[in-house]
Amino acid sequence: MQEVRGEEWIVIPTYNERKNIEALIPKVFSVRPDVHVLVVDDLSPDGTQEVVRELIKSYPQVELYAHNQKAGFAKAYIDGFKLLLNSSRDIGVIVMMDADLSHNPNYLSTVFEQLETHDLVTGSRYIPGGSIEGWEWWRAALSFWGNEYLRMVSGLRMRDITSGFNGIRASALRGIDLEEVQARGYGFQFLLKLLLLEKGARAFEIPIVFRNRTEGESKLTHQIITEALFLPWKMKRRARHVR
């Protein structure tokens, strides 16, 4: 596999994450001082954008892309990917990371290390060493059995198909049609991984401890859950080719 070159980027979507993003950004740079961060804000009414602009004064490697209307979690990522990949920057790898501190920045070094030899690195809650802290029993059960369901229907072997903590080589992202990632929430995470694996991406999972948010509200909705139930059946024929 060709050595990865170029800048390291983290894309963080936000919606009403004022307190969390203020705490997260310093933690990220304490672990990875040379990384670049793109915050994609989905028109937060709580002042998230103002907090990010203040952070930029201390951390000039942070950039803000602001939606002019609420477009959703998946669109935030897609817009962030396109903005970076279509720029004149030399993008090497992109990490997807939640703003709510559920993904510990201390794992970033391992993610970037594994991207030297893999196209897709996922922080997994469901391999030895991985776990979830702070979730209600019903949400933990929904996540675990949701992943088992997606694995059964799709045939994919990854243990944490719905993980939102992912590192991806820019070359692998350029190899897929981002317009095909028409899904939200869990469905978005599943479909993105499926498309990458379909194109031959070499995947690797690292164990992470996922901690429930302490500030703000969860973005999980009934619509997101329903979409995740039906999407793998729509993609089942394609998934058979990337087991």
C-alpha atoms as a PDB file:
ATOM      1  CA  MET A   1       0.000   0.000   0.000  1.00  0.00           C
ATOM      2  CA  GLN A   2       1.248   3.450  -0.929  1.00  0.00           C
ATOM      3  CA  GLU A   3       2.466   5.608   1.947  1.00  0.00           C
ATOM      4  CA  VAL A   4      -0.093   8.173   2.991  1.00  0.00           C
ATOM      5  CA  ARG A   5       0.967  11.783   2.519  1.00  0.00           C
ATOM      6  CA  GLY A   6      -0.652  15.159   2.982  1.00  0.00           C
ATOM      7  CA  GLU A   7      -2.447  17.005   5.736  1.00  0.00           C
ATOM      8  CA  GLU A   8      -4.374  15.358   8.542  1.00  0.00           C
ATOM      9  CA  TRP A   9      -7.909  16.691   8.959  1.00  0.00           C
ATOM     10  CA  ILE A  10     -10.734  16.112  11.415  1.00  0.00           C
ATOM     11  CA  VAL A  11     -14.288  16.938  10.330  1.00  0.00           C
ATOM     12  CA  ILE A  12     -16.673  17.642  13.212  1.00  0.00           C
ATOM     13  CA  PRO A  13     -20.378  18.295  12.537  1.00  0.00           C
ATOM     14  CA  THR A  14     -22.149  20.448  15.112  1.00  0.00           C
ATOM     15  CA  TYR A  15     -25.685  21.364  16.050  1.00  0.00           C
ATOM     16  CA  ASN A  16     -26.140  23.065  19.415  1.00  0.00           C
ATOM     17  CA  GLU A  17     -22.751  21.925  20.719  1.00  0.00           C
ATOM     18  CA  ARG A  18     -21.496  25.210  22.154  1.00  0.00           C
ATOM     19  CA  LYS A  19     -20.164  23.847  25.458  1.00  0.00           C
ATOM     20  CA  ASN A  20     -18.872  20.594  24.001  1.00  0.00           C
ATOM     21  CA  ILE A  21     -16.937  22.069  21.095  1.00  0.00           C
ATOM     22  CA  GLU A  22     -15.311  24.585  23.439  1.00  0.00           C
ATOM     23  CA  ALA A  23     -13.944  21.681  25.502  1.00  0.00           C
ATOM     24  CA  LEU A  24     -13.160  19.352  22.592  1.00  0.00           C
ATOM     25  CA  ILE A  25     -10.930  21.543  20.417  1.00  0.00           C
ATOM     26  CA  PRO A  26      -8.184  22.107  23.046  1.00  0.00           C
ATOM     27  CA  LYS A  27      -8.173  18.359  23.806  1.00  0.00           C
ATOM     28  CA  VAL A  28      -7.704  17.538  20.114  1.00  0.00           C
ATOM     29  CA  PHE A  29      -4.685  19.812  19.751  1.00  0.00           C
ATOM     30  CA  SER A  30      -3.131  18.596  22.988  1.00  0.00           C
ATOM     31  CA  VAL A  31      -3.019  15.131  21.405  1.00  0.00           C
ATOM     32  CA  ARG A  32      -2.318  16.081  17.775  1.00  0.00           C
ATOM     33  CA  PRO A  33      -0.803  19.597  17.565  1.00  0.00           C
ATOM     34  CA  ASP A  34      -0.325  19.584  13.780  1.00  0.00           C
ATOM     35  CA  VAL A  35      -3.798  18.422  12.812  1.00  0.00           C
ATOM     36  CA  HIS A  36      -6.367  20.585  11.012  1.00  0.00           C
ATOM     37  CA  VAL A  37     -10.006  20.747  12.104  1.00  0.00           C
ATOM     38  CA  LEU A  38     -13.055  21.615  10.015  1.00  0.00           C
ATOM     39  CA  VAL A  39     -16.203  22.312  12.035  1.00  0.00           C
ATOM     40  CA  VAL A  40     -19.367  22.069   9.925  1.00  0.00           C
ATOM     41  CA  ASP A  41     -22.192  23.757  11.791  1.00  0.00           C
ATOM     42  CA  ASP A  42     -25.799  23.015  10.910  1.00  0.00           C
ATOM     43  CA  LEU A  43     -27.186  26.476  11.713  1.00  0.00           C
ATOM     44  CA  SER A  44     -27.026  26.051  15.500  1.00  0.00           C
ATOM     45  CA  PRO A  45     -29.197  28.595  17.323  1.00  0.00           C
ATOM     46  CA  ASP A  46     -27.211  28.268  20.574  1.00  0.00           C
ATOM     47  CA  GLY A  47     -24.134  30.247  19.498  1.00  0.00           C
ATOM     48  CA  THR A  48     -21.927  27.316  18.477  1.00  0.00           C
ATOM     49  CA  GLN A  49     -20.580  29.253  15.501  1.00  0.00           C
ATOM     50  CA  GLU A  50     -19.575  32.192  17.681  1.00  0.00           C
ATOM     51  CA  VAL A  51     -17.674  29.859  20.022  1.00  0.00           C
ATOM     52  CA  VAL A  52     -15.833  28.296  17.075  1.00  0.00           C
ATOM     53  CA  ARG A  53     -14.859  31.713  15.744  1.00  0.00           C
ATOM     54  CA  GLU A  54     -13.392  32.567  19.137  1.00  0.00           C
ATOM     55  CA  LEU A  55     -11.486  29.264  19.184  1.00  0.00           C
ATOM     56  CA  ILE A  56      -9.985  30.039  15.783  1.00  0.00           C
ATOM     57  CA  LYS A  57      -8.173  33.009  17.340  1.00  0.00           C
ATOM     58  CA  SER A  58      -6.231  30.584  19.564  1.00  0.00           C
ATOM     59  CA  TYR A  59      -6.190  27.650  17.142  1.00  0.00           C
ATOM     60  CA  PRO A  60      -5.688  28.958  13.585  1.00  0.00           C
ATOM     61  CA  GLN A  61      -5.757  25.398  12.215  1.00  0.00           C
ATOM     62  CA  VAL A  62      -9.501  25.341  12.933  1.00  0.00           C
ATOM     63  CA  GLU A  63     -11.882  26.329  10.143  1.00  0.00           C
ATOM     64  CA  LEU A  64     -15.650  26.830  10.210  1.00  0.00           C
ATOM     65  CA  TYR A  65     -18.106  25.986   7.461  1.00  0.00           C
ATOM     66  CA  ALA A  66     -21.611  27.165   8.316  1.00  0.00           C
ATOM     67  CA  HIS A  67     -24.799  25.933   6.691  1.00  0.00           C
ATOM     68  CA  ASN A  68     -27.307  28.654   5.862  1.00  0.00           C
ATOM     69  CA  GLN A  69     -30.162  26.261   6.637  1.00  0.00           C
ATOM     70  CA  LYS A  70     -30.513  23.126   8.742  1.00  0.00           C
ATOM     71  CA  ALA A  71     -29.485  20.230   6.515  1.00  0.00           C
ATOM     72  CA  GLY A  72     -28.735  17.366   8.890  1.00  0.00           C
ATOM     73  CA  PHE A  73     -25.841  15.320  10.192  1.00  0.00           C
ATOM     74  CA  ALA A  74     -25.036  13.406   6.993  1.00  0.00           C
ATOM     75  CA  LYS A  75     -25.109  16.521   4.805  1.00  0.00           C
ATOM     76  CA  ALA A  76     -22.668  18.187   7.192  1.00  0.00           C
ATOM     77  CA  TYR A  77     -20.159  15.403   6.634  1.00  0.00           C
ATOM     78  CA  ILE A  78     -20.684  15.269   2.874  1.00  0.00           C
ATOM     79  CA  ASP A  79     -20.255  19.034   2.570  1.00  0.00           C
ATOM     80  CA  GLY A  80     -17.125  18.860   4.729  1.00  0.00           C
ATOM     81  CA  PHE A  81     -15.640  16.078   2.599  1.00  0.00           C
ATOM     82  CA  LYS A  82     -16.372  17.920  -0.625  1.00  0.00           C
ATOM     83  CA  LEU A  83     -14.977  21.183   0.675  1.00  0.00           C
ATOM     84  CA  LEU A  84     -11.663  19.533   1.542  1.00  0.00           C
ATOM     85  CA  LEU A  85     -11.347  17.142  -1.394  1.00  0.00           C
ATOM     86  CA  ASN A  86     -12.201  19.826  -3.965  1.00  0.00           C
ATOM     87  CA  SER A  87      -9.802  22.353  -2.480  1.00  0.00           C
ATOM     88  CA  SER A  88      -6.209  22.972  -3.521  1.00  0.00           C
ATOM     89  CA  ARG A  89      -5.006  21.524  -0.211  1.00  0.00           C
ATOM     90  CA  ASP A  90      -2.929  18.365  -0.093  1.00  0.00           C
ATOM     91  CA  ILE A  91      -5.359  16.249   1.945  1.00  0.00           C
ATOM     92  CA  GLY A  92      -3.950  12.973   3.238  1.00  0.00           C
ATOM     93  CA  VAL A  93      -6.518  11.623   5.681  1.00  0.00           C
ATOM     94  CA  ILE A  94      -9.831  12.726   7.157  1.00  0.00           C
ATOM     95  CA  VAL A  95     -11.172  11.680  10.549  1.00  0.00           C
ATOM     96  CA  MET A  96     -14.880  11.783  11.378  1.00  0.00           C
ATOM     97  CA  MET A  97     -15.506  12.702  15.011  1.00  0.00           C
ATOM     98  CA  ASP A  98     -18.522  13.625  17.139  1.00  0.00           C
ATOM     99  CA  ALA A  99     -18.559  17.014  18.835  1.00  0.00           C
ATOM    100  CA  ASP A 100     -20.084  15.786  22.094  1.00  0.00           C
ATOM    101  CA  LEU A 101     -16.887  14.333  23.642  1.00  0.00           C
ATOM    102  CA  SER A 102     -18.146  10.761  23.226  1.00  0.00           C
ATOM    103  CA  HIS A 103     -15.047  10.056  21.116  1.00  0.00           C
ATOM    104  CA  ASN A 104     -11.938  10.499  23.248  1.00  0.00           C
ATOM    105  CA  PRO A 105      -9.265  12.486  21.358  1.00  0.00           C
ATOM    106  CA  ASN A 106      -6.624  10.251  22.953  1.00  0.00           C
ATOM    107  CA  TYR A 107      -7.501   7.626  20.329  1.00  0.00           C
ATOM    108  CA  LEU A 108      -6.483   9.927  17.476  1.00  0.00           C
ATOM    109  CA  SER A 109      -2.834   8.882  17.500  1.00  0.00           C
ATOM    110  CA  THR A 110      -3.818   5.239  17.031  1.00  0.00           C
ATOM    111  CA  VAL A 111      -6.251   6.120  14.243  1.00  0.00           C
ATOM    112  CA  PHE A 112      -3.630   8.070  12.306  1.00  0.00           C
ATOM    113  CA  GLU A 113      -1.041   5.350  12.896  1.00  0.00           C
ATOM    114  CA  GLN A 114      -3.328   2.659  11.477  1.00  0.00           C
ATOM    115  CA  LEU A 115      -4.142   4.843   8.464  1.00  0.00           C
ATOM    116  CA  GLU A 116      -0.532   4.345   7.385  1.00  0.00           C
ATOM    117  CA  THR A 117      -1.488   0.799   6.367  1.00  0.00           C
ATOM    118  CA  HIS A 118      -5.282   0.926   5.996  1.00  0.00           C
ATOM    119  CA  ASP A 119      -7.836   2.978   4.057  1.00  0.00           C
ATOM    120  CA  LEU A 120     -10.550   2.928   6.729  1.00  0.00           C
ATOM    121  CA  VAL A 121      -9.970   2.833  10.487  1.00  0.00           C
ATOM    122  CA  THR A 122     -13.019   2.596  12.746  1.00  0.00           C
ATOM    123  CA  GLY A 123     -13.241   3.101  16.483  1.00  0.00           C
ATOM    124  CA  SER A 124     -15.199   0.043  17.571  1.00  0.00           C
ATOM    125  CA  ARG A 125     -17.335  -0.439  20.666  1.00  0.00           C
ATOM    126  CA  TYR A 126     -17.873  -4.117  19.882  1.00  0.00           C
ATOM    127  CA  ILE A 127     -14.432  -5.701  19.718  1.00  0.00           C
ATOM    128  CA  PRO A 128     -12.383  -6.777  22.770  1.00  0.00           C
ATOM    129  CA  GLY A 129     -11.377  -3.659  24.689  1.00  0.00           C
ATOM    130  CA  GLY A 130     -14.272  -1.595  23.371  1.00  0.00           C
ATOM    131  CA  SER A 131     -17.330  -0.600  25.382  1.00  0.00           C
ATOM    132  CA  ILE A 132     -20.053   1.987  25.995  1.00  0.00           C
ATOM    133  CA  GLU A 133     -20.401   4.031  29.175  1.00  0.00           C
ATOM    134  CA  GLY A 134     -23.388   6.063  30.335  1.00  0.00           C
ATOM    135  CA  TRP A 135     -26.120   4.853  27.985  1.00  0.00           C
ATOM    136  CA  GLU A 136     -29.517   3.655  29.154  1.00  0.00           C
ATOM    137  CA  TRP A 137     -29.939  -0.107  28.759  1.00  0.00           C
ATOM    138  CA  TRP A 138     -32.421   0.279  25.920  1.00  0.00           C
ATOM    139  CA  ARG A 139     -30.099   2.488  23.884  1.00  0.00           C
ATOM    140  CA  ALA A 140     -27.131   0.164  24.396  1.00  0.00           C
ATOM    141  CA  ALA A 141     -29.303  -2.773  23.341  1.00  0.00           C
ATOM    142  CA  LEU A 142     -30.599  -0.864  20.306  1.00  0.00           C
ATOM    143  CA  SER A 143     -27.052  -0.073  19.197  1.00  0.00           C
ATOM    144  CA  PHE A 144     -25.676  -3.595  19.749  1.00  0.00           C
ATOM    145  CA  TRP A 145     -28.537  -5.459  18.110  1.00  0.00           C
ATOM    146  CA  GLY A 146     -28.784  -2.825  15.400  1.00  0.00           C
ATOM    147  CA  ASN A 147     -25.197  -3.579  14.459  1.00  0.00           C
ATOM    148  CA  GLU A 148     -25.865  -7.320  14.554  1.00  0.00           C
ATOM    149  CA  TYR A 149     -28.893  -6.789  12.335  1.00  0.00           C
ATOM    150  CA  LEU A 150     -26.919  -4.741   9.817  1.00  0.00           C
ATOM    151  CA  ARG A 151     -24.127  -7.321   9.766  1.00  0.00           C
ATOM    152  CA  MET A 152     -26.593 -10.165   9.235  1.00  0.00           C
ATOM    153  CA  VAL A 153     -28.465  -8.452   6.408  1.00  0.00           C
ATOM    154  CA  SER A 154     -25.457  -6.959   4.630  1.00  0.00           C
ATOM    155  CA  GLY A 155     -22.901  -9.712   5.199  1.00  0.00           C
ATOM    156  CA  LEU A 156     -20.256  -7.172   6.203  1.00  0.00           C
ATOM    157  CA  ARG A 157     -17.800  -8.448   8.785  1.00  0.00           C
ATOM    158  CA  MET A 158     -17.041  -5.235  10.634  1.00  0.00           C
ATOM    159  CA  ARG A 159     -18.194  -5.407  14.261  1.00  0.00           C
ATOM    160  CA  ASP A 160     -19.174  -1.732  14.604  1.00  0.00           C
ATOM    161  CA  ILE A 161     -20.810  -0.771  11.349  1.00  0.00           C
ATOM    162  CA  THR A 162     -22.565   2.257  12.850  1.00  0.00           C
ATOM    163  CA  SER A 163     -19.540   3.789  14.581  1.00  0.00           C
ATOM    164  CA  GLY A 164     -19.183   7.514  14.003  1.00  0.00           C
ATOM    165  CA  PHE A 165     -15.470   7.603  14.825  1.00  0.00           C
ATOM    166  CA  ASN A 166     -13.735   6.831  11.531  1.00  0.00           C
ATOM    167  CA  GLY A 167     -10.462   7.687   9.839  1.00  0.00           C
ATOM    168  CA  ILE A 168     -10.429   7.534   6.042  1.00  0.00           C
ATOM    169  CA  ARG A 169      -7.689   8.068   3.492  1.00  0.00           C
ATOM    170  CA  ALA A 170      -8.549  10.927   1.146  1.00  0.00           C
ATOM    171  CA  SER A 171      -7.673   8.698  -1.805  1.00  0.00           C
ATOM    172  CA  ALA A 172     -10.349   6.203  -0.689  1.00  0.00           C
ATOM    173  CA  LEU A 173     -12.965   8.944  -0.317  1.00  0.00           C
ATOM    174  CA  ARG A 174     -12.156  10.202  -3.799  1.00  0.00           C
ATOM    175  CA  GLY A 175     -12.821   6.707  -5.090  1.00  0.00           C
ATOM    176  CA  ILE A 176     -16.518   6.743  -4.184  1.00  0.00           C
ATOM    177  CA  ASP A 177     -19.427   8.840  -5.367  1.00  0.00           C
ATOM    178  CA  LEU A 178     -20.390  10.920  -2.344  1.00  0.00           C
ATOM    179  CA  GLU A 179     -23.754  11.626  -3.967  1.00  0.00           C
ATOM    180  CA  GLU A 180     -24.620   7.967  -3.346  1.00  0.00           C
ATOM    181  CA  VAL A 181     -24.408   8.424   0.421  1.00  0.00           C
ATOM    182  CA  GLN A 182     -28.076   9.311   0.690  1.00  0.00           C
ATOM    183  CA  ALA A 183     -28.796   8.442   4.307  1.00  0.00           C
ATOM    184  CA  ARG A 184     -28.834   9.930   7.794  1.00  0.00           C
ATOM    185  CA  GLY A 185     -27.623   8.822  11.209  1.00  0.00           C
ATOM    186  CA  TYR A 186     -26.791   5.128  11.543  1.00  0.00           C
ATOM    187  CA  GLY A 187     -27.742   4.592   7.916  1.00  0.00           C
ATOM    188  CA  PHE A 188     -25.186   7.157   6.813  1.00  0.00           C
ATOM    189  CA  GLN A 189     -22.379   5.486   8.759  1.00  0.00           C
ATOM    190  CA  PHE A 190     -23.320   2.072   7.369  1.00  0.00           C
ATOM    191  CA  LEU A 191     -23.663   3.218   3.771  1.00  0.00           C
ATOM    192  CA  LEU A 192     -20.397   5.167   3.761  1.00  0.00           C
ATOM    193  CA  LYS A 193     -18.493   2.109   4.989  1.00  0.00           C
ATOM    194  CA  LEU A 194     -20.260  -0.114   2.475  1.00  0.00           C
ATOM    195  CA  LEU A 195     -19.312   2.129  -0.448  1.00  0.00           C
ATOM    196  CA  LEU A 196     -15.693   2.315   0.706  1.00  0.00           C
ATOM    197  CA  LEU A 197     -15.433  -1.458   1.104  1.00  0.00           C
ATOM    198  CA  GLU A 198     -17.119  -1.965  -2.240  1.00  0.00           C
ATOM    199  CA  LYS A 199     -14.222  -0.078  -3.817  1.00  0.00           C
ATOM    200  CA  GLY A 200     -11.668  -2.301  -2.091  1.00  0.00           C
ATOM    201  CA  ALA A 201     -10.847  -0.205   0.977  1.00  0.00           C
ATOM    202  CA  ARG A 202      -8.743  -2.046   3.547  1.00  0.00           C
ATOM    203  CA  ALA A 203     -10.512  -1.682   6.892  1.00  0.00           C
ATOM    204  CA  PHE A 204      -9.288  -2.014  10.465  1.00  0.00           C
ATOM    205  CA  GLU A 205     -11.085  -1.619  13.810  1.00  0.00           C
ATOM    206  CA  ILE A 206      -9.527  -0.311  17.013  1.00  0.00           C
ATOM    207  CA  PRO A 207     -11.230  -0.663  20.409  1.00  0.00           C
ATOM    208  CA  ILE A 208     -12.647   2.499  21.953  1.00  0.00           C
ATOM    209  CA  VAL A 209     -14.624   3.330  25.060  1.00  0.00           C
ATOM    210  CA  PHE A 210     -17.605   5.377  23.920  1.00  0.00           C
ATOM    211  CA  ARG A 211     -18.870   7.754  26.623  1.00  0.00           C
ATOM    212  CA  ASN A 212     -22.314   9.286  26.598  1.00  0.00           C
ATOM    213  CA  ARG A 213     -22.546  13.042  26.200  1.00  0.00           C
ATOM    214  CA  THR A 214     -22.768  15.131  29.353  1.00  0.00           C
ATOM    215  CA  GLU A 215     -23.931  18.336  27.644  1.00  0.00           C
ATOM    216  CA  GLY A 216     -26.648  18.877  25.054  1.00  0.00           C
ATOM    217  CA  GLU A 217     -29.246  16.530  23.615  1.00  0.00           C
ATOM    218  CA  SER A 218     -28.912  13.360  21.558  1.00  0.00           C
ATOM    219  CA  LYS A 219     -29.692  13.678  17.833  1.00  0.00           C
ATOM    220  CA  LEU A 220     -31.173  10.155  17.653  1.00  0.00           C
ATOM    221  CA  THR A 221     -34.723  10.167  16.207  1.00  0.00           C
ATOM    222  CA  HIS A 222     -37.331   7.594  15.222  1.00  0.00           C
ATOM    223  CA  GLN A 223     -36.757   8.534  11.567  1.00  0.00           C
ATOM    224  CA  ILE A 224     -33.050   7.719  11.853  1.00  0.00           C
ATOM    225  CA  ILE A 225     -33.804   4.348  13.455  1.00  0.00           C
ATOM    226  CA  THR A 226     -36.410   3.468  10.816  1.00  0.00           C
ATOM    227  CA  GLU A 227     -34.045   4.393   7.990  1.00  0.00           C
ATOM    228  CA  ALA A 228     -31.340   2.148   9.434  1.00  0.00           C
ATOM    229  CA  LEU A 229     -33.772  -0.788   9.511  1.00  0.00           C
ATOM    230  CA  PHE A 230     -34.681  -0.580   5.836  1.00  0.00           C
ATOM    231  CA  LEU A 231     -31.484   0.703   4.212  1.00  0.00           C
ATOM    232  CA  PRO A 232     -29.482  -2.578   4.385  1.00  0.00           C
ATOM    233  CA  TRP A 233     -32.220  -4.448   2.517  1.00  0.00           C
ATOM    234  CA  LYS A 234     -32.013  -1.890  -0.254  1.00  0.00           C
ATOM    235  CA  MET A 235     -28.235  -2.343  -0.372  1.00  0.00           C
ATOM    236  CA  LYS A 236     -28.119  -6.111   0.254  1.00  0.00           C
ATOM    237  CA  ARG A 237     -27.349  -7.082  -3.322  1.00  0.00           C
ATOM    238  CA  ARG A 238     -24.384  -4.710  -3.410  1.00  0.00           C
ATOM    239  CA  ALA A 239     -23.168  -5.739   0.038  1.00  0.00           C
ATOM    240  CA  ARG A 240     -22.773  -9.347  -1.050  1.00  0.00           C
ATOM    241  CA  HIS A 241     -19.854  -8.297  -3.221  1.00  0.00           C
ATOM    242  CA  VAL A 242     -17.842  -6.711  -0.387  1.00  0.00           C
ATOM    243  CA  ARG A 243     -18.029  -9.280   2.388  1.00  0.00           C
END
